[in-house]
Amino acid sequence: VQLQASGGGLVQAGGSLRLSCVASGTRSSLSLMGWYRQAPGKPREFVAHITNLGGTNYADSVKGRFTIARDGAKNTVDLQMNSLKPDDTAVYYCKTTYGREYWGQGTLVTVSS
């Protein structure tokens, strides 16, 4: 399984960005796809995930601001990020599990104050 993430960039505080991740290499519907992030000098942390049935879970720090959605048939997952804060600055990674964990290459999100 390969994961390709896109959509990062530079945005001012209060702005929005949409990240996308496409999984390839399998015709099966991946049961769980999610996003993690890693800020400079900090460990990687969970952001959100979504099951192939549409069940979602969010980190407390992003609840009400971020929305995760997916197209299960295409194994794509998007993360709509609104009301961005400087603390959201990080490299965002797409992740899935298919026998083992797979990670995308990461996409940088920078939120300026």
Protein backbone atom coordinates (compact mmCIF):
# COMPACT_ATOMS: atom_id res chain seq x y z
CA VAL A 1 0.00 0.00 0.00
CA GLN A 2 1.28 3.46 -0.90
CA LEU A 3 -0.10 6.69 0.53
CA GLN A 4 0.23 10.01 -1.24
CA ALA A 5 -0.67 13.12 0.73
CA SER A 6 -1.14 16.62 -0.64
CA GLY A 7 -2.64 19.98 0.19
CA GLY A 8 -0.29 21.48 2.73
CA GLY A 9 0.87 25.06 2.60
CA LEU A 10 1.12 28.38 4.36
CA VAL A 11 -1.98 30.02 5.79
CA GLN A 12 -2.72 32.78 8.23
CA ALA A 13 -4.30 32.06 11.59
CA GLY A 14 -8.03 31.67 11.21
CA GLY A 15 -7.71 30.37 7.69
CA SER A 16 -8.46 26.99 6.18
CA LEU A 17 -6.66 24.23 4.32
CA ARG A 18 -7.75 20.89 2.94
CA LEU A 19 -5.43 17.90 2.96
CA SER A 20 -5.98 14.88 0.77
CA CYS A 21 -4.51 11.40 0.86
CA VAL A 22 -4.84 8.69 -1.76
CA ALA A 23 -4.04 5.07 -1.02
CA SER A 24 -2.99 2.77 -3.83
CA GLY A 25 -1.77 -0.77 -4.10
CA THR A 26 -4.88 -2.51 -2.87
CA ARG A 27 -8.38 -3.05 -4.20
CA SER A 28 -9.72 -3.69 -0.72
CA SER A 29 -11.55 -0.97 1.16
CA LEU A 30 -9.16 0.03 3.92
CA SER A 31 -10.88 -0.30 7.26
CA LEU A 32 -9.24 2.71 8.86
CA MET A 33 -7.55 5.79 7.46
CA GLY A 34 -6.32 8.71 9.46
CA TRP A 35 -4.10 11.71 9.95
CA TYR A 36 -1.30 12.35 12.37
CA ARG A 37 0.97 15.34 12.74
CA GLN A 38 4.39 16.16 14.06
CA ALA A 39 5.40 19.64 15.10
CA PRO A 40 9.08 20.61 15.36
CA GLY A 41 10.65 19.12 18.46
CA LYS A 42 7.52 17.20 19.41
CA PRO A 43 6.43 13.59 19.01
CA ARG A 44 4.00 12.57 16.33
CA GLU A 45 0.40 12.84 17.52
CA PHE A 46 -2.99 11.60 16.46
CA VAL A 47 -5.27 14.07 14.69
CA ALA A 48 -8.27 12.14 13.36
CA HIS A 49 -9.30 8.88 11.79
CA ILE A 50 -12.27 7.46 9.96
CA THR A 51 -13.43 3.90 9.39
CA ASN A 52 -14.74 2.49 6.16
CA LEU A 53 -18.21 2.71 7.70
CA GLY A 54 -17.82 6.43 8.36
CA GLY A 55 -17.09 6.33 12.06
CA THR A 56 -14.81 9.16 13.11
CA ASN A 57 -12.60 10.12 16.02
CA TYR A 58 -10.75 13.37 16.64
CA ALA A 59 -8.08 14.66 18.95
CA ASP A 60 -9.53 17.10 21.47
CA SER A 61 -7.29 19.84 20.12
CA VAL A 62 -8.98 19.78 16.70
CA LYS A 63 -12.59 18.91 17.54
CA GLY A 64 -15.00 21.39 16.03
CA ARG A 65 -12.36 22.77 13.67
CA PHE A 66 -11.24 19.79 11.60
CA THR A 67 -13.42 17.39 9.63
CA ILE A 68 -12.26 14.07 8.23
CA ALA A 69 -14.05 12.43 5.34
CA ARG A 70 -13.34 9.61 2.94
CA ASP A 71 -14.39 7.92 -0.24
CA GLY A 72 -14.21 4.31 0.76
CA ALA A 73 -14.57 3.00 -2.75
CA LYS A 74 -11.49 4.96 -3.81
CA ASN A 75 -9.51 4.72 -0.56
CA THR A 76 -9.09 8.45 -0.30
CA VAL A 77 -9.29 10.51 2.86
CA ASP A 78 -9.53 14.26 3.24
CA LEU A 79 -8.96 16.51 6.23
CA GLN A 80 -10.71 19.86 6.14
CA MET A 81 -8.99 22.19 8.56
CA ASN A 82 -10.75 25.39 9.57
CA SER A 83 -9.97 28.09 12.11
CA LEU A 84 -6.33 27.16 11.95
CA LYS A 85 -4.03 28.22 14.76
CA PRO A 86 -0.24 28.61 14.88
CA ASP A 87 -0.20 25.51 17.13
CA ASP A 88 -1.51 23.52 14.17
CA THR A 89 1.80 24.05 12.38
CA ALA A 90 3.26 20.62 11.70
CA VAL A 91 4.00 18.01 9.11
CA TYR A 92 0.78 16.06 8.58
CA TYR A 93 0.95 12.37 7.78
CA CYS A 94 -1.67 10.09 6.37
CA LYS A 95 -1.80 6.62 7.89
CA THR A 96 -3.59 3.37 7.28
CA THR A 97 -3.38 -0.19 8.50
CA TYR A 98 -3.50 -3.14 6.14
CA GLY A 99 -1.75 -6.01 7.81
CA ARG A 100 0.70 -3.46 9.10
CA GLU A 101 0.92 0.30 9.36
CA TYR A 102 1.54 2.40 6.28
CA TRP A 103 2.47 6.07 6.33
CA GLY A 104 2.43 8.73 3.68
CA GLN A 105 5.36 11.03 3.07
CA GLY A 106 3.93 13.97 5.01
CA THR A 107 2.77 17.40 3.94
CA LEU A 108 3.78 20.58 5.72
CA VAL A 109 1.17 22.92 7.15
CA THR A 110 2.39 26.27 8.39
CA VAL A 111 0.03 28.64 10.18
CA SER A 112 1.30 32.15 10.67
CA SER A 113 0.09 34.40 13.47
